[in-house]
Every structure is written in C-alpha cells, then in structure tokens.
Amino acid sequence: MAAESERRGPPERAAFAKFVPIATRWSDNDAYGHLNNVVYYSLFDTAVNAILIEAGLLDPSASPIVGVVVETSCRYFSSLSYPDLAEVGVAVEHLGRTSVRYHLGVFKAGAPTAAAAGRFTHVYVDRQTNRPFPIPEAHRDLMETMIVG
C-alpha cells in the first residue's frame, strides 16, 4: 500500500506562500520535447535563492553563512516544455535550528495545480568551516512568513 503522500495529486497554489516566475530555456527540453527531470531541481534551487537574494539575505559569492542542499525530491504530474513560463511556489514545511525544508511546486504560468512538486532541504553552514551554523535571525524571520497553515 502506497504512503498517503505518494497517492496525493498535484498541489494547488494555496499550498505555497510565495511564487517566483522563471522563464524556461530552449536547452531545458530533452529528446522527448519536455523539460528534463533535472531542470525541475534547478528551478527549485533558483526559486529559493531568488527569494533570499531579493530579501537582501544572500550574496552567493560573499555571504559568510549559506544554505547547502542536503536532500531533495520531486514528483511529476504533467509536462512543461520550452517556451512555457514557469512559476515556482515556495513554502516552508519545517524550520529547525540549522536546517529548513521547503515544499516547492512548479506550475505552468497561471495553472491552478503544479506540474511537479518536491522538497528541498538546506542546512546552514559557515562558509569557511563548512560546519552547521544556526539559521540567522533575519533568514528565520523570512522563513516564518512562508509557513503555510
């Protein structure tokens, strides 16, 4: 018997706190004419980091404390292909002391349900030592606004 999370259909927009629009690229399509599965992971990473950068909380080349991906997963429900415009929904699913788990959904622009959905866990580390570090307060404040009831 499949786990309940495996039986669920695609999440709707209400499951997410923020949306990041991202244009697909010609090179995102695979030989089957749709976005290759690895592209969805790149969209997840781009959306999370775009939110942090826009909030002034991340400078990818200089921030002393950064989130590194330690786990990710994705389920696919329907296909996107170039030149579709995508919107990536982001919500915080779990907020720990040094880690945060995001729930993400990739939507064709304007679609009511996600074409793909997954999870993405960041562990915050000191850039110099690569050792876990408590999530900075400003990051935590932003993440708390992305928890969806």
Protein backbone atom coordinates (compact mmCIF):
# COMPACT_ATOMS: atom_id res chain seq x y z
CA MET A 1 0.00 0.00 0.00
CA ALA A 2 1.45 3.35 -1.05
CA ALA A 3 2.09 6.04 1.52
CA GLU A 4 -0.51 8.81 1.65
CA SER A 5 1.95 11.36 0.24
CA GLU A 6 2.53 9.10 -2.78
CA ARG A 7 -1.21 8.94 -3.53
CA ARG A 8 -1.83 12.67 -3.44
CA GLY A 9 -2.37 14.51 -6.65
CA PRO A 10 -0.63 17.73 -7.60
CA PRO A 11 -0.72 20.53 -5.02
CA GLU A 12 -2.74 23.67 -5.68
CA ARG A 13 -1.49 27.26 -5.43
CA ALA A 14 -2.87 27.68 -1.90
CA ALA A 15 -0.17 25.27 -0.65
CA PHE A 16 2.53 27.90 -1.28
CA ALA A 17 3.40 31.25 0.29
CA LYS A 18 5.48 32.85 -2.47
CA PHE A 19 5.80 32.42 -6.22
CA VAL A 20 8.86 33.06 -8.37
CA PRO A 21 8.35 33.41 -12.14
CA ILE A 22 11.07 31.71 -14.20
CA ALA A 23 11.34 31.51 -17.99
CA THR A 24 12.19 28.12 -19.41
CA ARG A 25 15.03 27.88 -21.92
CA TRP A 26 15.48 26.07 -25.22
CA SER A 27 18.17 23.89 -23.62
CA ASP A 28 15.77 22.75 -20.87
CA ASN A 29 13.89 20.45 -23.26
CA ASP A 30 15.04 16.86 -23.58
CA ALA A 31 14.78 14.50 -26.55
CA TYR A 32 11.12 13.84 -25.67
CA GLY A 33 10.20 17.51 -26.07
CA HIS A 34 9.58 18.40 -22.43
CA LEU A 35 11.63 19.80 -19.57
CA ASN A 36 14.19 17.25 -18.48
CA ASN A 37 13.71 15.99 -14.93
CA VAL A 38 16.93 17.64 -13.67
CA VAL A 39 15.60 21.05 -14.75
CA TYR A 40 12.97 20.92 -12.01
CA TYR A 41 15.71 20.67 -9.38
CA SER A 42 17.37 23.71 -10.89
CA LEU A 43 14.06 25.59 -10.78
CA PHE A 44 13.71 24.70 -7.07
CA ASP A 45 17.22 25.98 -6.33
CA THR A 46 16.72 29.14 -8.40
CA ALA A 47 13.42 30.00 -6.69
CA VAL A 48 14.64 29.54 -3.12
CA ASN A 49 17.82 31.52 -3.74
CA ALA A 50 15.94 34.26 -5.64
CA ILE A 51 13.71 34.81 -2.60
CA LEU A 52 16.74 35.05 -0.29
CA ILE A 53 18.61 37.38 -2.67
CA GLU A 54 15.56 39.62 -3.20
CA ALA A 55 15.17 39.93 0.58
CA GLY A 56 18.82 41.03 0.85
CA LEU A 57 19.73 37.93 2.85
CA LEU A 58 22.05 36.17 0.40
CA ASP A 59 25.06 37.25 -1.59
CA PRO A 60 26.05 33.98 -3.29
CA SER A 61 29.70 34.94 -3.55
CA ALA A 62 30.21 36.62 -0.17
CA SER A 63 27.67 35.60 2.50
CA PRO A 64 29.56 34.03 5.43
CA ILE A 65 26.64 31.73 6.29
CA VAL A 66 24.98 29.82 3.44
CA GLY A 67 22.39 27.10 2.98
CA VAL A 68 23.64 23.97 1.25
CA VAL A 69 21.30 21.36 -0.19
CA VAL A 70 21.42 18.06 1.69
CA GLU A 71 18.26 16.41 0.35
CA THR A 72 15.80 16.94 -2.47
CA SER A 73 12.95 15.06 -4.13
CA CYS A 74 10.45 15.63 -6.90
CA ARG A 75 7.21 14.08 -8.19
CA TYR A 76 5.95 14.81 -11.69
CA PHE A 77 2.29 15.22 -12.61
CA SER A 78 2.31 16.83 -16.07
CA SER A 79 4.87 18.13 -18.53
CA LEU A 80 6.20 21.58 -19.20
CA SER A 81 8.30 22.46 -22.23
CA TYR A 82 10.08 25.44 -23.68
CA PRO A 83 8.80 28.13 -24.23
CA ASP A 84 6.42 27.67 -21.25
CA LEU A 85 6.73 30.22 -18.49
CA ALA A 86 7.01 28.59 -15.07
CA GLU A 87 6.04 29.80 -11.62
CA VAL A 88 7.69 28.09 -8.69
CA GLY A 89 5.65 28.05 -5.49
CA VAL A 90 7.67 28.03 -2.26
CA ALA A 91 6.58 27.24 1.29
CA VAL A 92 8.49 26.34 4.43
CA GLU A 93 7.48 22.89 5.61
CA HIS A 94 9.87 22.53 8.57
CA LEU A 95 12.11 25.06 10.29
CA GLY A 96 14.82 23.67 12.55
CA ARG A 97 17.81 25.21 14.31
CA THR A 98 20.28 24.77 11.43
CA SER A 99 18.04 23.45 8.65
CA VAL A 100 14.94 24.33 6.70
CA ARG A 101 12.83 22.07 4.49
CA TYR A 102 10.97 23.74 1.65
CA HIS A 103 7.90 22.43 -0.15
CA LEU A 104 8.03 23.51 -3.79
CA GLY A 105 5.71 23.33 -6.77
CA VAL A 106 6.47 24.07 -10.41
CA PHE A 107 3.42 25.46 -12.20
CA LYS A 108 2.88 26.35 -15.83
CA ALA A 109 2.18 30.10 -15.56
CA GLY A 110 -1.41 30.59 -14.43
CA ALA A 111 -2.17 26.89 -13.93
CA PRO A 112 -4.19 26.01 -10.80
CA THR A 113 -2.18 22.86 -9.98
CA ALA A 114 1.52 22.04 -10.05
CA ALA A 115 3.11 20.14 -12.90
CA ALA A 116 5.74 18.91 -10.40
CA ALA A 117 6.20 19.17 -6.66
CA GLY A 118 9.00 18.36 -4.30
CA ARG A 119 11.04 19.07 -1.24
CA PHE A 120 14.37 20.74 -0.78
CA THR A 121 16.36 20.81 2.49
CA HIS A 122 19.02 23.41 3.23
CA VAL A 123 21.43 23.03 6.12
CA TYR A 124 23.02 26.34 7.04
CA VAL A 125 26.80 26.23 7.29
CA ASP A 126 29.68 28.56 7.97
CA ARG A 127 31.26 29.10 4.54
CA GLN A 128 34.81 28.90 5.96
CA THR A 129 34.43 25.72 8.01
CA ASN A 130 31.51 24.09 6.18
CA ARG A 131 30.13 23.17 9.63
CA PRO A 132 26.44 23.56 10.55
CA PHE A 133 25.51 27.00 11.86
CA PRO A 134 22.24 28.28 13.36
CA ILE A 135 19.93 29.86 10.79
CA PRO A 136 20.49 33.64 11.02
CA GLU A 137 17.60 35.51 12.65
CA ALA A 138 16.73 37.56 9.54
CA HIS A 139 16.52 34.36 7.48
CA ARG A 140 14.38 32.73 10.16
CA ASP A 141 12.04 35.75 10.19
CA LEU A 142 11.55 35.45 6.41
CA MET A 143 11.09 31.69 6.58
CA GLU A 144 8.41 32.01 9.24
CA THR A 145 6.36 34.14 6.82
CA MET A 146 6.48 31.24 4.32
CA ILE A 147 4.95 28.62 6.61
CA VAL A 148 1.59 27.66 5.13
CA GLY A 149 -1.00 26.56 7.69
